[in-house]
Amino acid sequence: MSKIAIISDIHGNLTALEAVCKDISKRRIKRVICLGDLVGKGPQPAESVDRIRELCEVTLQGNWDHSVNQPHNKEGILWQQSQLGAERLDYLKQLPFSVDLHLSGRWIRLFHASSKDVYHRVTRKASRKEKLSLFEHTAMTSFPEASIIEAEAANTASAVKSPSLTPDVVGYGDLHIPFMQTIKNKNKEGLLLFNTGSVGASYEGIPQACYAIIEGKPDASVGEPFSIQTVRVPYDVEKAIAIAEQLQMPGIDRFRYEMRTGLEQ
C-alpha cells in the first residue's frame, strides 16, 4: 500500500507547514503533493516556497501563485513579491496545473481550484452539475499537461498519455474547508470528490492546519483497498502572528483574526 500526503493552501504560514511536515514524518509518509497557493496572506512566503520545494514530489499552481506574478499596486501583494524575489516568483509562474495518479484501480485527478482555471471556485454548496464538471477533461487538464504518477516511491514518477480515461476521484484545495462527497454521474456510477482543506489558513472555524492522506495500491485493481483521510494538526498560532507582527506584514489585523478564529474575514 502507498500513502500520499496531499497538502494545499500554505499561504506563507511556515509555522503551520512545519507542524504538518512533522505529522507527515511521524506517519512515515514519504510522498507529498502540494495543490498550490504557497504564498499570500502569511508572513513567510519565501521560506514556505523553499520548504515545499524540498518536501514535495509535485507542486501545482494556485491562484495566489499565479496572481503574485501579475502587476499590482496593492501593498500586501507588493510586500509578498519583495519577500519572494525574482527566482522564486519564476518558480511559481512555471508550476503545472494538474496531476493524475493511479491507486487501487482508481484514476485520481488533483488540481488547485477547478478543471477550468486556478480562479474558478467550486464550493461545497455548488450544484451537482458544477461538481461533475470537475471530472471533465479541459484545455487545462488535457494531456500532456496532466501527468499520471504510477510509481510507488517518491521521485520515481513516470508520465503516461491516456486522454480517453475519466477520473474516478478528484481532489482540490482553494476552499480552505475540507469535505468529501460521492456524486453519481449519468451512468449512475459513484465519483468521489474531496477537498484537502488548508495548511496555513483554515476557514472551517477550527484554527488548525489541515491536509489529506490518500492510500491505495499502485497499479492494482479496483478490488484493492482505497481510502482518503482528513488530518487536522494543531500548531502555534500565536507564533505565526508574532512573526507577522515582527516583519510588519501588511494586513496584520485580518491575519490575526483568521489565524485565531479559523474563519475568513
Protein backbone atom coordinates (compact mmCIF):
# COMPACT_ATOMS: atom_id res chain seq x y z
CA MET A 1 0.00 0.00 0.00
CA SER A 2 1.16 3.52 -0.79
CA LYS A 3 0.34 6.60 1.28
CA ILE A 4 0.47 10.08 -0.22
CA ALA A 5 0.02 13.29 1.77
CA ILE A 6 -1.93 15.93 -0.16
CA ILE A 7 -1.38 19.45 1.17
CA SER A 8 -2.70 22.77 -0.11
CA ASP A 9 -3.04 26.48 0.64
CA ILE A 10 0.08 27.04 2.72
CA HIS A 11 -0.21 30.82 2.31
CA GLY A 12 3.18 31.67 3.72
CA ASN A 13 2.38 30.18 7.12
CA LEU A 14 5.64 28.35 7.75
CA THR A 15 4.71 27.61 11.37
CA ALA A 16 1.66 25.62 10.25
CA LEU A 17 3.61 23.96 7.42
CA GLU A 18 6.33 22.72 9.77
CA ALA A 19 3.70 21.25 12.10
CA VAL A 20 2.20 19.36 9.15
CA CYS A 21 5.64 18.21 7.99
CA LYS A 22 6.29 16.82 11.47
CA ASP A 23 2.96 14.96 11.43
CA ILE A 24 3.66 13.53 7.97
CA SER A 25 7.08 12.36 9.14
CA LYS A 26 5.60 10.68 12.23
CA ARG A 27 3.27 8.74 9.95
CA ARG A 28 6.28 7.69 7.82
CA ILE A 29 4.72 9.07 4.67
CA LYS A 30 7.37 9.61 2.00
CA ARG A 31 5.30 11.09 -0.82
CA VAL A 32 3.85 14.59 -0.63
CA ILE A 33 1.93 16.55 -3.28
CA CYS A 34 1.04 20.23 -2.91
CA LEU A 35 -2.04 21.66 -4.65
CA GLY A 36 -0.85 25.25 -4.68
CA ASP A 37 -1.26 28.63 -3.00
CA LEU A 38 2.14 28.51 -1.38
CA VAL A 39 2.10 32.28 -0.84
CA GLY A 40 -0.20 35.17 0.07
CA LYS A 41 -1.85 36.05 3.38
CA GLY A 42 1.03 34.86 5.61
CA PRO A 43 4.38 36.30 6.73
CA GLN A 44 6.90 33.77 5.37
CA PRO A 45 6.22 33.19 1.67
CA ALA A 46 9.89 32.73 0.70
CA GLU A 47 10.58 30.22 3.45
CA SER A 48 7.38 28.34 2.63
CA VAL A 49 8.29 28.09 -1.06
CA ASP A 50 11.75 26.79 -0.16
CA ARG A 51 10.31 24.19 2.21
CA ILE A 52 7.76 23.00 -0.34
CA ARG A 53 10.50 22.61 -2.95
CA GLU A 54 12.38 20.34 -0.55
CA LEU A 55 9.33 18.38 0.54
CA CYS A 56 7.05 17.76 -2.44
CA GLU A 57 7.47 15.50 -5.43
CA VAL A 58 4.81 17.50 -7.29
CA THR A 59 3.65 21.06 -6.64
CA LEU A 60 0.75 22.58 -8.57
CA GLN A 61 -0.08 26.23 -9.21
CA GLY A 62 -2.77 28.01 -7.20
CA ASN A 63 -4.46 31.34 -7.81
CA TRP A 64 -2.10 33.19 -5.44
CA ASP A 65 0.95 31.64 -7.12
CA HIS A 66 -0.35 32.97 -10.42
CA SER A 67 -1.60 36.31 -9.11
CA VAL A 68 1.62 37.24 -7.32
CA ASN A 69 3.34 37.21 -10.72
CA GLN A 70 0.96 39.83 -12.15
CA PRO A 71 1.43 43.63 -11.98
CA HIS A 72 -0.13 45.01 -8.78
CA ASN A 73 -0.37 48.21 -6.78
CA LYS A 74 -1.77 46.60 -3.63
CA GLU A 75 0.53 46.94 -0.64
CA GLY A 76 0.08 43.35 0.52
CA ILE A 77 0.94 41.78 -2.82
CA LEU A 78 3.87 44.13 -3.39
CA TRP A 79 5.18 43.04 0.02
CA GLN A 80 4.80 39.37 -0.95
CA GLN A 81 6.67 40.00 -4.20
CA SER A 82 9.53 41.73 -2.38
CA GLN A 83 9.82 38.84 0.08
CA LEU A 84 9.89 36.22 -2.67
CA GLY A 85 12.39 37.69 -5.11
CA ALA A 86 12.75 37.00 -8.83
CA GLU A 87 13.86 33.36 -8.72
CA ARG A 88 11.00 32.15 -6.50
CA LEU A 89 8.47 34.18 -8.48
CA ASP A 90 9.68 32.48 -11.65
CA TYR A 91 9.34 29.08 -9.94
CA LEU A 92 5.72 29.85 -9.00
CA LYS A 93 4.98 31.06 -12.53
CA GLN A 94 6.03 27.74 -14.04
CA LEU A 95 4.16 25.36 -11.73
CA PRO A 96 1.92 22.81 -13.51
CA PHE A 97 -1.88 22.96 -13.42
CA SER A 98 -2.84 19.39 -12.53
CA VAL A 99 -1.54 15.90 -11.85
CA ASP A 100 -3.17 12.46 -12.16
CA LEU A 101 -2.45 9.34 -10.08
CA HIS A 102 -3.48 5.70 -10.25
CA LEU A 103 -4.13 3.83 -6.98
CA SER A 104 -6.19 0.68 -6.34
CA GLY A 105 -7.72 0.80 -9.80
CA ARG A 106 -8.89 4.37 -9.38
CA TRP A 107 -7.96 7.32 -11.56
CA ILE A 108 -7.30 10.31 -9.30
CA ARG A 109 -7.00 13.87 -10.58
CA LEU A 110 -5.65 16.71 -8.45
CA PHE A 111 -5.66 20.47 -9.10
CA HIS A 112 -5.97 23.66 -7.09
CA ALA A 113 -9.47 25.05 -7.67
CA SER A 114 -11.26 23.53 -10.67
CA SER A 115 -10.68 21.86 -14.02
CA LYS A 116 -11.13 25.23 -15.77
CA ASP A 117 -8.57 27.54 -14.15
CA VAL A 118 -6.99 28.43 -10.81
CA TYR A 119 -9.54 31.21 -10.17
CA HIS A 120 -12.74 29.25 -10.81
CA ARG A 121 -14.15 28.28 -7.42
CA VAL A 122 -16.50 25.31 -6.86
CA THR A 123 -17.82 25.40 -3.30
CA ARG A 124 -19.29 22.67 -1.12
CA LYS A 125 -22.76 24.05 -1.90
CA ALA A 126 -22.23 24.10 -5.68
CA SER A 127 -24.73 22.29 -7.90
CA ARG A 128 -24.27 18.67 -8.93
CA LYS A 129 -23.61 19.88 -12.47
CA GLU A 130 -20.80 22.16 -11.29
CA LYS A 131 -19.23 19.40 -9.25
CA LEU A 132 -19.43 16.92 -12.12
CA SER A 133 -17.61 19.45 -14.30
CA LEU A 134 -14.56 18.94 -12.09
CA PHE A 135 -14.23 15.42 -13.54
CA GLU A 136 -14.19 16.60 -17.17
CA HIS A 137 -11.12 16.95 -19.35
CA THR A 138 -10.49 20.61 -20.24
CA ALA A 139 -7.89 22.62 -22.11
CA MET A 140 -6.08 22.95 -18.76
CA THR A 141 -6.16 19.30 -17.66
CA SER A 142 -5.92 17.58 -21.05
CA PHE A 143 -2.81 15.57 -21.73
CA PRO A 144 0.11 16.08 -21.80
CA GLU A 145 -0.45 18.91 -19.30
CA ALA A 146 -1.61 16.41 -16.67
CA SER A 147 0.93 13.79 -15.61
CA ILE A 148 -0.05 10.39 -14.29
CA ILE A 149 2.10 9.20 -11.41
CA GLU A 150 2.15 5.43 -11.11
CA ALA A 151 5.31 4.99 -9.05
CA GLU A 152 5.08 3.71 -5.50
CA ALA A 153 8.08 5.58 -4.15
CA ALA A 154 8.77 9.30 -4.29
CA ASN A 155 10.95 10.71 -7.06
CA THR A 156 10.22 7.80 -9.43
CA ALA A 157 7.28 9.28 -11.29
CA SER A 158 6.52 8.41 -14.90
CA ALA A 159 4.20 10.26 -17.27
CA VAL A 160 1.59 8.38 -19.31
CA LYS A 161 -0.73 9.70 -22.01
CA SER A 162 -4.30 8.37 -21.94
CA PRO A 163 -6.88 11.05 -22.83
CA SER A 164 -9.76 8.57 -23.08
CA LEU A 165 -9.87 7.96 -19.33
CA THR A 166 -12.04 9.98 -16.97
CA PRO A 167 -11.06 10.37 -13.31
CA ASP A 168 -12.89 8.36 -10.67
CA VAL A 169 -11.64 10.64 -7.89
CA VAL A 170 -10.96 14.38 -7.90
CA GLY A 171 -9.19 16.26 -5.13
CA TYR A 172 -8.64 20.00 -4.85
CA GLY A 173 -7.83 22.84 -2.44
CA ASP A 174 -8.76 26.55 -2.70
CA LEU A 175 -11.78 26.48 -0.35
CA HIS A 176 -9.84 26.18 2.93
CA ILE A 177 -12.62 23.85 4.12
CA PRO A 178 -12.22 20.06 3.85
CA PHE A 179 -15.06 17.85 2.66
CA MET A 180 -15.72 14.56 0.89
CA GLN A 181 -18.71 13.63 -1.27
CA THR A 182 -19.82 10.85 -3.60
CA ILE A 183 -21.55 12.08 -6.77
CA LYS A 184 -23.38 9.87 -9.26
CA ASN A 185 -22.65 10.50 -12.93
CA LYS A 186 -25.01 9.86 -15.86
CA ASN A 187 -24.13 6.15 -15.75
CA LYS A 188 -25.11 6.05 -12.06
CA GLU A 189 -21.52 5.37 -11.13
CA GLY A 190 -20.19 6.94 -7.96
CA LEU A 191 -17.49 9.56 -8.41
CA LEU A 192 -15.59 10.70 -5.32
CA LEU A 193 -14.85 14.39 -4.74
CA PHE A 194 -12.71 15.64 -1.87
CA ASN A 195 -11.16 18.87 -0.65
CA THR A 196 -7.94 18.94 1.33
CA GLY A 197 -8.67 21.97 3.48
CA SER A 198 -5.83 24.42 4.15
CA VAL A 199 -2.49 24.05 5.89
CA GLY A 200 -1.98 27.74 6.54
CA ALA A 201 -5.40 29.42 6.72
CA SER A 202 -8.32 27.33 7.92
CA TYR A 203 -11.80 28.71 7.16
CA GLU A 204 -13.82 25.97 8.86
CA GLY A 205 -13.84 27.53 12.31
CA ILE A 206 -11.04 25.28 13.57
CA PRO A 207 -7.73 27.19 13.85
CA GLN A 208 -5.56 24.22 12.95
CA ALA A 209 -3.64 23.09 9.89
CA CYS A 210 -5.47 20.60 7.67
CA TYR A 211 -4.39 18.17 4.95
CA ALA A 212 -5.42 14.85 3.39
CA ILE A 213 -3.86 11.40 3.09
CA ILE A 214 -4.78 9.08 0.23
CA GLU A 215 -3.86 5.42 0.46
CA GLY A 216 -4.03 2.66 -2.11
CA LYS A 217 -2.06 0.11 -4.06
CA PRO A 218 -0.25 1.33 -7.22
CA ASP A 219 -1.05 -0.48 -10.47
CA ALA A 220 -3.72 -2.57 -8.75
CA SER A 221 -7.33 -3.44 -9.50
CA VAL A 222 -10.37 -1.70 -8.06
CA GLY A 223 -10.71 -4.64 -5.67
CA GLU A 224 -7.81 -3.35 -3.58
CA PRO A 225 -8.46 -1.12 -0.53
CA PHE A 226 -8.51 2.65 -1.06
CA SER A 227 -9.00 5.42 1.47
CA ILE A 228 -8.92 9.19 1.92
CA GLN A 229 -8.36 10.67 5.36
CA THR A 230 -8.63 14.27 6.58
CA VAL A 231 -6.00 15.21 9.16
CA ARG A 232 -6.05 18.28 11.40
CA VAL A 233 -2.82 19.34 13.09
CA PRO A 234 -2.62 21.87 15.95
CA TYR A 235 0.17 24.44 15.67
CA ASP A 236 1.38 27.56 17.48
CA VAL A 237 -0.98 30.18 16.09
CA GLU A 238 0.44 32.92 18.31
CA LYS A 239 3.93 32.22 16.99
CA ALA A 240 2.71 32.72 13.42
CA ILE A 241 1.07 36.01 14.43
CA ALA A 242 4.20 37.18 16.27
CA ILE A 243 6.32 36.56 13.16
CA ALA A 244 3.89 38.60 11.04
CA GLU A 245 3.98 41.42 13.58
CA GLN A 246 7.77 41.40 13.77
CA LEU A 247 8.00 41.63 9.98
CA GLN A 248 5.34 44.38 9.91
CA MET A 249 3.37 42.44 7.32
CA PRO A 250 0.57 44.43 5.65
CA GLY A 251 -2.92 43.22 6.54
CA ILE A 252 -1.89 42.10 10.01
CA ASP A 253 -5.33 42.69 11.58
CA ARG A 254 -7.02 40.33 9.14
CA PHE A 255 -4.24 37.78 9.61
CA ARG A 256 -4.65 37.85 13.40
CA TYR A 257 -8.41 37.35 13.12
CA GLU A 258 -8.23 34.49 10.63
CA MET A 259 -5.47 32.66 12.49
CA ARG A 260 -7.19 32.87 15.87
CA THR A 261 -10.72 32.06 14.72
CA GLY A 262 -10.16 29.77 11.75
CA LEU A 263 -12.66 31.90 9.83
CA GLU A 264 -12.36 34.08 6.73
CA GLN A 265 -12.70 37.82 7.26
